[in-house]
């Protein structure tokens, strides 16, 4: 979520932050504990739904959200899900793992100073909104998984988090907020890539963090999760003054590729209009 910063902005903070990255002094966030525990439980050869459910139920909030999304339009079946084992059965273990990681990610977006915490909150709101749009569009577009799309939307700007954390500890290096935005714009990609490698995420998620604002990206013929995030970001700006800072949705290669995947050109905006309640529910669930 870049903010169109001017090249005239001082690069002092950028130089300090870049040096910290190169010297492995930039603190990268750790993946939430609950995600690690679930990953271990799922990869256990002796694992079954009941055993994994016991691990999940150690976190009542995560459990409630898992049940909630298993009853959402994204995954809803014929009968209502009322327990964690039932939710795991409906969703499948890999899907549940990605969803649990999504639910737990909010803990990464935190800071001590009021100024930086405000930026963290804005970043999380943007990321969770893009994630909700990604999930809805993926549900309507062949070849995409809604849970994977949601997680891709959530992590697309994760590279900004360590930069904000660095600012939180070195406010004396900052002359103004424009300098901070400029540094985020320059370092978000390489820092996001480093986080994805540290967390052991797949390569296409790393690509999301690197190319999430490469509006002219057109290096592969088939649409992928980077394309979905690009289109979802532009959708997220609809109705806001920021829309005019970016290309039109129908001008970017990502949109044309998604159209070839049968995302209806005339109804892509209508899909989101009709799914307003669903998007709000997903965003609200992520933000609890």
Protein backbone atom coordinates (compact mmCIF):
# COMPACT_ATOMS: atom_id res chain seq x y z
CA UNK A 1 0.00 0.00 0.00
CA UNK A 2 2.37 2.70 -1.21
CA UNK A 3 1.46 6.34 -0.82
CA UNK A 4 3.02 8.00 -3.85
CA UNK A 5 5.97 9.53 -1.99
CA UNK A 6 8.17 12.11 -3.66
CA UNK A 7 11.76 11.33 -4.70
CA UNK A 8 12.72 14.63 -3.01
CA UNK A 9 12.10 13.01 0.40
CA UNK A 10 15.25 12.48 2.48
CA UNK A 11 16.61 8.93 2.28
CA UNK A 12 18.40 8.97 5.65
CA UNK A 13 15.91 6.61 7.30
CA UNK A 14 15.94 4.38 4.20
CA UNK A 15 19.75 4.05 4.38
CA UNK A 16 19.68 3.12 8.07
CA UNK A 17 16.86 0.62 7.55
CA UNK A 18 18.54 -0.92 4.50
CA UNK A 19 21.81 -1.31 6.42
CA UNK A 20 19.92 -3.06 9.22
CA UNK A 21 18.37 -5.44 6.65
CA UNK A 22 21.75 -6.24 5.09
CA UNK A 23 23.37 -6.82 8.50
CA UNK A 24 20.48 -9.02 9.68
CA UNK A 25 19.62 -6.44 12.32
CA UNK A 26 16.13 -5.75 11.00
CA UNK A 27 13.74 -7.68 13.22
CA UNK A 28 11.52 -9.95 11.11
CA UNK A 29 8.23 -11.03 12.70
CA UNK A 30 7.83 -14.61 13.84
CA UNK A 31 4.90 -16.69 12.67
CA UNK A 32 2.24 -16.90 15.42
CA UNK A 33 2.65 -19.82 17.86
CA UNK A 34 -0.77 -21.30 17.15
CA UNK A 35 0.17 -21.64 13.46
CA UNK A 36 3.36 -23.53 14.35
CA UNK A 37 1.45 -25.87 16.70
CA UNK A 38 -1.20 -26.60 14.06
CA UNK A 39 1.44 -27.22 11.39
CA UNK A 40 3.22 -29.71 13.66
CA UNK A 41 -0.04 -31.45 14.56
CA UNK A 42 -1.13 -31.75 10.91
CA UNK A 43 2.28 -33.10 9.85
CA UNK A 44 2.23 -35.73 12.61
CA UNK A 45 1.72 -39.14 10.92
CA UNK A 46 -0.52 -40.12 13.85
CA UNK A 47 -2.69 -37.03 13.46
CA UNK A 48 -6.45 -37.24 13.16
CA UNK A 49 -9.20 -34.63 13.34
CA UNK A 50 -9.93 -35.26 17.01
CA UNK A 51 -6.28 -34.85 18.03
CA UNK A 52 -5.79 -31.73 15.90
CA UNK A 53 -9.07 -30.31 17.20
CA UNK A 54 -7.69 -30.55 20.73
CA UNK A 55 -4.72 -28.40 19.68
CA UNK A 56 -6.95 -25.85 17.93
CA UNK A 57 -9.33 -25.66 20.89
CA UNK A 58 -6.49 -24.43 23.08
CA UNK A 59 -7.34 -21.06 21.48
CA UNK A 60 -11.10 -20.43 21.88
CA UNK A 61 -11.06 -17.37 19.59
CA UNK A 62 -9.42 -19.32 16.74
CA UNK A 63 -11.88 -22.18 17.30
CA UNK A 64 -14.86 -19.83 17.08
CA UNK A 65 -13.56 -18.25 13.88
CA UNK A 66 -12.91 -21.64 12.29
CA UNK A 67 -16.51 -22.70 13.01
CA UNK A 68 -17.76 -19.34 11.78
CA UNK A 69 -15.99 -19.52 8.43
CA UNK A 70 -16.99 -23.17 7.91
CA UNK A 71 -20.59 -21.89 7.98
CA UNK A 72 -19.85 -18.91 5.71
CA UNK A 73 -20.90 -18.79 2.03
CA UNK A 74 -17.30 -19.70 1.11
CA UNK A 75 -17.59 -23.18 2.63
CA UNK A 76 -21.18 -23.64 3.77
CA UNK A 77 -22.66 -27.13 3.35
CA UNK A 78 -26.09 -28.64 3.89
CA UNK A 79 -25.91 -28.65 7.66
CA UNK A 80 -24.65 -26.15 10.18
CA UNK A 81 -21.25 -26.81 11.76
CA UNK A 82 -21.23 -26.50 15.55
CA UNK A 83 -17.92 -28.04 16.68
CA UNK A 84 -14.22 -27.81 15.88
CA UNK A 85 -13.88 -31.45 14.64
CA UNK A 86 -16.83 -30.90 12.30
CA UNK A 87 -15.22 -27.70 10.98
CA UNK A 88 -11.94 -29.51 10.36
CA UNK A 89 -13.76 -32.28 8.49
CA UNK A 90 -15.59 -29.81 6.26
CA UNK A 91 -12.59 -27.60 5.56
CA UNK A 92 -9.82 -30.19 5.38
CA UNK A 93 -6.61 -29.94 7.37
CA UNK A 94 -4.52 -27.93 4.89
CA UNK A 95 -7.28 -25.39 4.41
CA UNK A 96 -7.74 -25.14 8.17
CA UNK A 97 -4.01 -24.57 8.61
CA UNK A 98 -4.00 -21.65 6.16
CA UNK A 99 -7.12 -20.16 7.75
CA UNK A 100 -5.68 -20.43 11.26
CA UNK A 101 -2.50 -18.69 10.10
CA UNK A 102 -4.69 -15.93 8.64
CA UNK A 103 -6.62 -15.52 11.89
CA UNK A 104 -3.42 -15.34 13.95
CA UNK A 105 -1.58 -12.84 11.76
CA UNK A 106 -3.09 -9.74 13.36
CA UNK A 107 -0.72 -10.21 16.32
CA UNK A 108 2.20 -9.34 14.01
CA UNK A 109 0.85 -5.84 13.31
CA UNK A 110 1.75 -4.12 16.59
CA UNK A 111 3.93 -1.24 17.79
CA UNK A 112 4.57 0.77 20.95
CA UNK A 113 4.50 4.40 19.81
CA UNK A 114 1.14 5.96 18.99
CA UNK A 115 2.25 7.21 15.57
CA UNK A 116 3.57 3.85 14.38
CA UNK A 117 0.70 1.89 15.93
CA UNK A 118 -1.71 4.04 13.93
CA UNK A 119 0.18 3.10 10.77
CA UNK A 120 0.12 -0.57 11.79
CA UNK A 121 -3.65 -0.41 12.27
CA UNK A 122 -4.13 1.23 8.88
CA UNK A 123 -1.91 -1.42 7.30
CA UNK A 124 -3.89 -4.23 8.92
CA UNK A 125 -7.22 -2.72 7.87
CA UNK A 126 -6.00 -2.46 4.29
CA UNK A 127 -4.53 -5.98 4.32
CA UNK A 128 -7.64 -7.57 5.85
CA UNK A 129 -9.91 -5.77 3.37
CA UNK A 130 -7.79 -6.92 0.41
CA UNK A 131 -7.77 -10.44 1.92
CA UNK A 132 -11.58 -10.48 2.11
CA UNK A 133 -11.89 -9.30 -1.50
CA UNK A 134 -9.34 -11.92 -2.59
CA UNK A 135 -11.35 -14.67 -0.88
CA UNK A 136 -14.61 -13.62 -2.53
CA UNK A 137 -13.09 -13.23 -6.01
CA UNK A 138 -11.28 -16.58 -5.64
CA UNK A 139 -14.58 -18.23 -4.75
CA UNK A 140 -16.00 -16.97 -8.07
CA UNK A 141 -12.90 -17.59 -10.22
CA UNK A 142 -11.84 -21.05 -11.46
CA UNK A 143 -8.42 -22.23 -10.35
CA UNK A 144 -8.19 -20.37 -7.03
CA UNK A 145 -8.70 -21.47 -3.40
CA UNK A 146 -10.49 -18.89 -1.22
CA UNK A 147 -8.43 -19.68 1.89
CA UNK A 148 -5.15 -19.44 0.01
CA UNK A 149 -6.31 -16.21 -1.62
CA UNK A 150 -7.25 -14.78 1.79
CA UNK A 151 -3.81 -15.55 3.18
CA UNK A 152 -2.14 -14.07 0.08
CA UNK A 153 -4.12 -10.87 0.58
CA UNK A 154 -3.14 -10.70 4.24
CA UNK A 155 0.60 -11.09 3.64
CA UNK A 156 0.94 -8.93 0.52
CA UNK A 157 2.18 -5.93 2.54
CA UNK A 158 3.90 -7.91 5.33
CA UNK A 159 7.25 -6.39 4.33
CA UNK A 160 6.10 -3.04 5.72
CA UNK A 161 5.84 -4.46 9.25
CA UNK A 162 9.59 -4.69 10.06
CA UNK A 163 10.13 -1.21 8.60
CA UNK A 164 7.43 0.16 10.91
CA UNK A 165 8.93 -1.80 13.83
CA UNK A 166 12.33 -0.27 13.03
CA UNK A 167 10.73 3.18 12.99
CA UNK A 168 9.08 2.40 16.33
CA UNK A 169 12.54 1.93 17.86
CA UNK A 170 14.35 4.72 15.96
CA UNK A 171 11.93 7.64 15.82
CA UNK A 172 14.93 9.98 16.07
CA UNK A 173 15.99 8.95 12.54
CA UNK A 174 12.70 10.07 11.01
CA UNK A 175 12.21 13.62 9.81
CA UNK A 176 8.58 13.15 8.74
CA UNK A 177 5.98 10.54 7.84
CA UNK A 178 6.74 10.94 4.13
CA UNK A 179 10.22 9.57 4.76
CA UNK A 180 8.68 6.52 6.43
CA UNK A 181 6.30 5.94 3.51
CA UNK A 182 9.20 6.30 1.06
CA UNK A 183 11.23 3.67 2.93
CA UNK A 184 8.29 1.25 3.05
CA UNK A 185 7.80 1.67 -0.69
CA UNK A 186 11.46 0.85 -1.37
CA UNK A 187 11.96 -2.02 1.07
CA UNK A 188 8.54 -3.71 1.30
CA UNK A 189 9.38 -6.23 -1.46
CA UNK A 190 12.80 -7.49 -0.32
CA UNK A 191 11.76 -7.51 3.35
CA UNK A 192 8.51 -9.33 2.55
CA UNK A 193 10.48 -11.90 0.56
CA UNK A 194 12.80 -12.47 3.54
CA UNK A 195 9.81 -12.99 5.85
CA UNK A 196 8.21 -15.53 3.52
CA UNK A 197 11.46 -17.50 3.37
CA UNK A 198 11.82 -17.35 7.16
CA UNK A 199 8.25 -18.62 7.61
CA UNK A 200 8.71 -21.40 5.05
CA UNK A 201 5.88 -20.12 2.85
CA UNK A 202 5.67 -21.28 -0.81
CA UNK A 203 7.37 -19.34 -3.60
CA UNK A 204 4.14 -17.90 -5.00
CA UNK A 205 3.49 -16.17 -1.67
CA UNK A 206 6.98 -14.69 -1.84
CA UNK A 207 6.10 -13.45 -5.32
CA UNK A 208 2.99 -11.77 -3.88
CA UNK A 209 5.09 -9.73 -1.42
CA UNK A 210 7.52 -8.69 -4.15
CA UNK A 211 5.09 -7.86 -6.98
CA UNK A 212 1.92 -6.75 -5.15
CA UNK A 213 2.11 -3.27 -6.73
CA UNK A 214 3.70 -4.17 -10.05
CA UNK A 215 0.65 -3.06 -12.01
CA UNK A 216 2.25 -3.80 -15.42
CA UNK A 217 3.32 -7.34 -14.42
CA UNK A 218 2.70 -9.73 -17.30
CA UNK A 219 5.46 -12.33 -17.12
CA UNK A 220 3.32 -15.49 -17.16
CA UNK A 221 0.25 -16.32 -19.28
CA UNK A 222 -1.87 -17.96 -16.60
CA UNK A 223 -3.41 -15.91 -13.77
CA UNK A 224 -1.90 -16.50 -10.33
CA UNK A 225 -2.30 -15.20 -6.77
CA UNK A 226 -0.21 -12.11 -7.53
CA UNK A 227 -2.75 -11.19 -10.21
CA UNK A 228 -5.60 -11.80 -7.78
CA UNK A 229 -3.99 -9.54 -5.16
CA UNK A 230 -3.30 -6.81 -7.72
CA UNK A 231 -6.94 -6.76 -8.86
CA UNK A 232 -8.23 -6.98 -5.28
CA UNK A 233 -6.09 -4.03 -4.22
CA UNK A 234 -7.52 -1.84 -6.97
CA UNK A 235 -11.02 -2.97 -6.03
CA UNK A 236 -10.27 -1.96 -2.42
CA UNK A 237 -9.65 1.64 -3.53
CA UNK A 238 -13.01 1.98 -5.30
CA UNK A 239 -15.00 4.79 -3.72
CA UNK A 240 -11.93 6.39 -2.12
CA UNK A 241 -9.79 9.37 -3.21
CA UNK A 242 -6.83 7.01 -3.56
CA UNK A 243 -8.41 5.33 -6.59
CA UNK A 244 -7.06 8.08 -8.87
CA UNK A 245 -3.46 7.37 -7.80
CA UNK A 246 -3.54 3.97 -9.50
CA UNK A 247 -4.29 2.52 -12.95
CA UNK A 248 -7.84 1.61 -13.91
CA UNK A 249 -8.68 -1.98 -13.03
CA UNK A 250 -9.44 -2.92 -16.63
CA UNK A 251 -6.10 -1.53 -17.84
CA UNK A 252 -3.79 -3.92 -15.98
CA UNK A 253 -2.64 -7.30 -17.41
CA UNK A 254 -3.72 -9.08 -14.21
CA UNK A 255 -7.35 -8.17 -14.85
CA UNK A 256 -7.23 -9.36 -18.45
CA UNK A 257 -5.74 -12.70 -17.34
CA UNK A 258 -8.44 -13.17 -14.72
CA UNK A 259 -11.05 -12.42 -17.39
CA UNK A 260 -9.57 -15.22 -19.49
CA UNK A 261 -10.16 -17.38 -16.43
CA UNK A 262 -13.86 -16.45 -16.74
CA UNK A 263 -14.08 -13.72 -14.12
CA UNK A 264 -16.93 -11.86 -15.80
CA UNK A 265 -15.82 -8.41 -17.01
CA UNK A 266 -19.26 -6.88 -16.60
CA UNK A 267 -19.94 -8.29 -13.18
CA UNK A 268 -16.60 -8.28 -11.32
CA UNK A 269 -17.59 -5.07 -9.55
CA UNK A 270 -21.12 -6.39 -9.12
CA UNK A 271 -19.73 -9.57 -7.54
CA UNK A 272 -18.18 -7.44 -4.83
CA UNK A 273 -21.26 -5.25 -4.52
CA UNK A 274 -23.44 -8.32 -4.02
CA UNK A 275 -20.89 -9.80 -1.63
CA UNK A 276 -20.57 -6.69 0.56
CA UNK A 277 -21.96 -8.50 3.59
CA UNK A 278 -19.69 -11.49 3.02
CA UNK A 279 -16.63 -9.24 2.65
CA UNK A 280 -17.57 -7.39 5.82
CA UNK A 281 -17.98 -10.69 7.71
CA UNK A 282 -14.56 -11.97 6.60
CA UNK A 283 -12.85 -8.67 7.39
CA UNK A 284 -14.56 -8.48 10.75
CA UNK A 285 -13.62 -12.07 11.56
CA UNK A 286 -9.97 -11.36 10.72
CA UNK A 287 -9.93 -8.18 12.80
CA UNK A 288 -11.31 -9.61 16.07
